[in-house]
């Protein structure tokens, strides 16, 4: 799993968040995508690492501007994750 955090400029409300989320879901096979207009970011969980240029073009096509991009491996943390150390 990979967690991709994208800085998005131009989101002003919950509907803007929904537009960005829909654009990401339409362009990529993702497990989960959440956006926050107050933080100005979108967090994407996916099985494969996402291509930065493809993410930028998918989000920029909706009228919002990508300001940053960060993709890191993500380990799901469960209730008993402390036992796996």
C-alpha atoms as a PDB file:
ATOM      1  CA  UNK A   1       0.000   0.000   0.000  1.00  0.00           C
ATOM      2  CA  UNK A   2       1.086   3.544  -0.733  1.00  0.00           C
ATOM      3  CA  UNK A   3      -0.101   6.812   0.787  1.00  0.00           C
ATOM      4  CA  UNK A   4       0.058   9.766  -1.564  1.00  0.00           C
ATOM      5  CA  UNK A   5      -0.415  13.234  -0.082  1.00  0.00           C
ATOM      6  CA  UNK A   6      -1.169  15.949  -2.608  1.00  0.00           C
ATOM      7  CA  UNK A   7      -1.346  19.648  -1.818  1.00  0.00           C
ATOM      8  CA  UNK A   8      -4.300  21.162  -3.677  1.00  0.00           C
ATOM      9  CA  UNK A   9      -4.926  24.893  -3.987  1.00  0.00           C
ATOM     10  CA  UNK A  10      -8.369  26.280  -4.780  1.00  0.00           C
ATOM     11  CA  UNK A  11     -10.669  24.038  -2.732  1.00  0.00           C
ATOM     12  CA  UNK A  12     -13.160  26.208  -0.820  1.00  0.00           C
ATOM     13  CA  UNK A  13     -15.880  23.829   0.402  1.00  0.00           C
ATOM     14  CA  UNK A  14     -17.044  20.242   0.710  1.00  0.00           C
ATOM     15  CA  UNK A  15     -18.261  20.203  -2.882  1.00  0.00           C
ATOM     16  CA  UNK A  16     -14.762  21.120  -4.071  1.00  0.00           C
ATOM     17  CA  UNK A  17     -13.413  18.185  -2.039  1.00  0.00           C
ATOM     18  CA  UNK A  18     -15.938  15.896  -3.727  1.00  0.00           C
ATOM     19  CA  UNK A  19     -14.879  17.103  -7.198  1.00  0.00           C
ATOM     20  CA  UNK A  20     -11.216  16.341  -6.475  1.00  0.00           C
ATOM     21  CA  UNK A  21     -12.072  12.946  -4.945  1.00  0.00           C
ATOM     22  CA  UNK A  22     -14.198  11.997  -7.955  1.00  0.00           C
ATOM     23  CA  UNK A  23     -11.440  13.024 -10.380  1.00  0.00           C
ATOM     24  CA  UNK A  24      -8.906  10.865  -8.537  1.00  0.00           C
ATOM     25  CA  UNK A  25     -11.267   7.862  -8.356  1.00  0.00           C
ATOM     26  CA  UNK A  26     -12.025   8.187 -12.063  1.00  0.00           C
ATOM     27  CA  UNK A  27      -8.336   8.336 -13.062  1.00  0.00           C
ATOM     28  CA  UNK A  28      -6.801   5.723 -10.721  1.00  0.00           C
ATOM     29  CA  UNK A  29      -7.719   2.444  -8.978  1.00  0.00           C
ATOM     30  CA  UNK A  30      -7.594   3.657  -5.370  1.00  0.00           C
ATOM     31  CA  UNK A  31      -8.561   2.067  -2.068  1.00  0.00           C
ATOM     32  CA  UNK A  32      -9.482   5.352  -0.372  1.00  0.00           C
ATOM     33  CA  UNK A  33      -9.304   9.058  -1.133  1.00  0.00           C
ATOM     34  CA  UNK A  34     -10.068  11.937   1.237  1.00  0.00           C
ATOM     35  CA  UNK A  35      -9.710  15.672   0.768  1.00  0.00           C
ATOM     36  CA  UNK A  36      -9.714  18.599   3.173  1.00  0.00           C
ATOM     37  CA  UNK A  37     -10.303  22.134   1.946  1.00  0.00           C
ATOM     38  CA  UNK A  38      -9.186  23.592   5.278  1.00  0.00           C
ATOM     39  CA  UNK A  39      -5.811  21.806   5.094  1.00  0.00           C
ATOM     40  CA  UNK A  40      -5.603  22.132   1.316  1.00  0.00           C
ATOM     41  CA  UNK A  41      -4.659  18.513   0.778  1.00  0.00           C
ATOM     42  CA  UNK A  42      -5.850  15.217  -0.641  1.00  0.00           C
ATOM     43  CA  UNK A  43      -4.716  11.859   0.772  1.00  0.00           C
ATOM     44  CA  UNK A  44      -4.870   8.825  -1.526  1.00  0.00           C
ATOM     45  CA  UNK A  45      -4.380   5.179  -0.477  1.00  0.00           C
ATOM     46  CA  UNK A  46      -3.566   2.805  -3.337  1.00  0.00           C
ATOM     47  CA  UNK A  47      -2.015  -0.597  -4.002  1.00  0.00           C
ATOM     48  CA  UNK A  48       0.592   0.785  -6.448  1.00  0.00           C
ATOM     49  CA  UNK A  49       2.584   4.000  -6.307  1.00  0.00           C
ATOM     50  CA  UNK A  50       0.919   6.728  -8.355  1.00  0.00           C
ATOM     51  CA  UNK A  51       2.695   8.686 -11.071  1.00  0.00           C
ATOM     52  CA  UNK A  52       3.125  12.324 -10.027  1.00  0.00           C
ATOM     53  CA  UNK A  53       2.530  13.752 -13.505  1.00  0.00           C
ATOM     54  CA  UNK A  54      -0.669  11.715 -13.955  1.00  0.00           C
ATOM     55  CA  UNK A  55      -2.021  12.863 -10.574  1.00  0.00           C
ATOM     56  CA  UNK A  56      -1.166  16.474 -11.381  1.00  0.00           C
ATOM     57  CA  UNK A  57      -2.928  16.340 -14.753  1.00  0.00           C
ATOM     58  CA  UNK A  58      -6.034  14.604 -13.307  1.00  0.00           C
ATOM     59  CA  UNK A  59      -6.456  17.205 -10.547  1.00  0.00           C
ATOM     60  CA  UNK A  60      -5.442  20.218 -12.662  1.00  0.00           C
ATOM     61  CA  UNK A  61      -8.091  19.207 -15.223  1.00  0.00           C
ATOM     62  CA  UNK A  62     -10.780  19.890 -12.592  1.00  0.00           C
ATOM     63  CA  UNK A  63      -9.645  23.507 -12.188  1.00  0.00           C
ATOM     64  CA  UNK A  64      -7.627  23.136  -8.983  1.00  0.00           C
ATOM     65  CA  UNK A  65      -3.861  23.498  -8.714  1.00  0.00           C
ATOM     66  CA  UNK A  66      -1.505  20.854  -7.323  1.00  0.00           C
ATOM     67  CA  UNK A  67       1.066  22.521  -5.059  1.00  0.00           C
ATOM     68  CA  UNK A  68       2.900  19.490  -3.646  1.00  0.00           C
ATOM     69  CA  UNK A  69       3.181  15.719  -4.085  1.00  0.00           C
ATOM     70  CA  UNK A  70       4.490  13.064  -1.691  1.00  0.00           C
ATOM     71  CA  UNK A  71       4.186   9.281  -2.054  1.00  0.00           C
ATOM     72  CA  UNK A  72       5.364   6.971   0.750  1.00  0.00           C
ATOM     73  CA  UNK A  73       4.802   3.300   1.638  1.00  0.00           C
ATOM     74  CA  UNK A  74       1.873   2.896   4.025  1.00  0.00           C
ATOM     75  CA  UNK A  75       1.405   0.173   6.614  1.00  0.00           C
ATOM     76  CA  UNK A  76      -2.135  -0.280   7.838  1.00  0.00           C
ATOM     77  CA  UNK A  77      -2.320   0.114  11.598  1.00  0.00           C
ATOM     78  CA  UNK A  78      -4.831  -2.090  13.348  1.00  0.00           C
ATOM     79  CA  UNK A  79      -5.943  -2.578  16.916  1.00  0.00           C
ATOM     80  CA  UNK A  80      -3.137  -5.030  17.727  1.00  0.00           C
ATOM     81  CA  UNK A  81      -0.417  -3.564  15.507  1.00  0.00           C
ATOM     82  CA  UNK A  82       1.870  -3.096  18.509  1.00  0.00           C
ATOM     83  CA  UNK A  83       2.179  -6.906  18.769  1.00  0.00           C
ATOM     84  CA  UNK A  84       3.873  -7.192  15.327  1.00  0.00           C
ATOM     85  CA  UNK A  85       7.086  -5.476  16.380  1.00  0.00           C
END
